[in-house]
Amino acid sequence: MTLDSLRKRIDALDHEILAKMAERLALCKETVQWKEDVEDTDRESALRELWAKEAQSLGLSASFAMTLLEALLAESKRLQRHK
C-alpha cells in the first residue's frame, strides 16, 4: 500500500463520517417536535455512557469520543433552537 492510496482511503472515510454526521443532525432537527425542551439531560447522560463504552470496545480513547459527542450535542441543540 502506498501513502497516496492510504490517503485516498482516509479521504473516503472522512466523506462517510461527514455524511453520517449530516444524517444524524437532520434526524436531531426532527426530534424537536416531540420534545418540550431542547435540553434532555437524561438522554445526554445515556449517550455519554454509551459512547464511552463503544469507544473502548473499538479501541478508541473515551476522551476523544466525548469530544466528538459534545460537539455533536452542541450542534444538535443549536439546530433544534433554530428550527
Protein backbone atom coordinates (compact mmCIF):
# COMPACT_ATOMS: atom_id res chain seq x y z
CA MET A 1 0.00 0.00 0.00
CA THR A 2 1.30 3.46 -0.85
CA LEU A 3 0.95 6.74 1.00
CA ASP A 4 -1.28 8.02 -1.78
CA SER A 5 -3.62 5.03 -1.60
CA LEU A 6 -3.81 5.32 2.20
CA ARG A 7 -4.69 8.99 1.91
CA LYS A 8 -7.40 8.21 -0.64
CA ARG A 9 -8.94 5.68 1.76
CA ILE A 10 -8.74 8.22 4.59
CA ASP A 11 -10.41 10.85 2.40
CA ALA A 12 -13.20 8.41 1.51
CA LEU A 13 -13.75 7.60 5.19
CA ASP A 14 -13.77 11.30 6.06
CA HIS A 15 -16.51 11.81 3.49
CA GLU A 16 -18.53 8.94 5.01
CA ILE A 17 -18.08 10.35 8.52
CA LEU A 18 -19.29 13.80 7.44
CA ALA A 19 -22.24 12.31 5.55
CA LYS A 20 -23.27 10.29 8.62
CA MET A 21 -22.97 13.35 10.86
CA ALA A 22 -25.17 15.32 8.45
CA GLU A 23 -27.72 12.49 8.51
CA ARG A 24 -27.61 12.37 12.32
CA LEU A 25 -28.07 16.12 12.64
CA ALA A 26 -31.01 16.09 10.23
CA LEU A 27 -32.70 13.49 12.43
CA CYS A 28 -31.95 15.55 15.53
CA LYS A 29 -33.73 18.51 13.96
CA GLU A 30 -36.82 16.34 13.56
CA THR A 31 -36.83 15.27 17.23
CA VAL A 32 -37.62 18.76 18.43
CA GLN A 33 -41.30 18.32 17.52
CA TRP A 34 -41.61 15.58 20.18
CA LYS A 35 -39.69 17.36 22.92
CA GLU A 36 -40.77 20.10 25.29
CA ASP A 37 -37.22 21.42 25.61
CA VAL A 38 -34.00 21.15 23.64
CA GLU A 39 -32.16 20.10 26.81
CA ASP A 40 -32.55 16.42 27.73
CA THR A 41 -30.00 15.64 30.43
CA ASP A 42 -31.12 12.02 30.83
CA ARG A 43 -30.62 11.34 27.12
CA GLU A 44 -27.27 13.13 27.12
CA SER A 45 -26.04 11.11 30.10
CA ALA A 46 -27.12 7.89 28.43
CA LEU A 47 -25.32 8.89 25.23
CA ARG A 48 -22.13 9.73 27.11
CA GLU A 49 -22.16 6.32 28.78
CA LEU A 50 -22.92 4.55 25.50
CA TRP A 51 -20.24 6.42 23.59
CA ALA A 52 -17.61 5.75 26.27
CA LYS A 53 -18.37 2.01 26.13
CA GLU A 54 -18.48 1.94 22.33
CA ALA A 55 -15.22 3.87 22.07
CA GLN A 56 -13.50 1.49 24.46
CA SER A 57 -14.78 -1.56 22.57
CA LEU A 58 -13.39 -0.09 19.35
CA GLY A 59 -10.01 0.71 20.87
CA LEU A 60 -10.62 4.46 20.92
CA SER A 61 -10.00 6.85 23.76
CA ALA A 62 -13.12 7.73 25.72
CA SER A 63 -11.96 11.35 25.96
CA PHE A 64 -11.70 11.53 22.16
CA ALA A 65 -15.20 10.10 21.81
CA MET A 66 -16.53 12.57 24.39
CA THR A 67 -15.00 15.48 22.47
CA LEU A 68 -16.82 14.35 19.32
CA LEU A 69 -20.08 13.72 21.17
CA GLU A 70 -20.02 17.11 22.90
CA ALA A 71 -19.55 18.80 19.51
CA LEU A 72 -22.47 16.82 18.06
CA LEU A 73 -24.69 17.60 21.03
CA ALA A 74 -23.88 21.30 20.83
CA GLU A 75 -24.66 21.39 17.10
CA SER A 76 -27.85 19.36 17.61
CA LYS A 77 -29.09 21.84 20.22
CA ARG A 78 -28.15 24.80 18.03
CA LEU A 79 -30.14 23.36 15.11
CA GLN A 80 -33.11 22.48 17.32
CA ARG A 81 -33.24 26.01 18.72
CA HIS A 82 -33.26 27.48 15.20
CA LYS A 83 -35.82 25.15 13.69
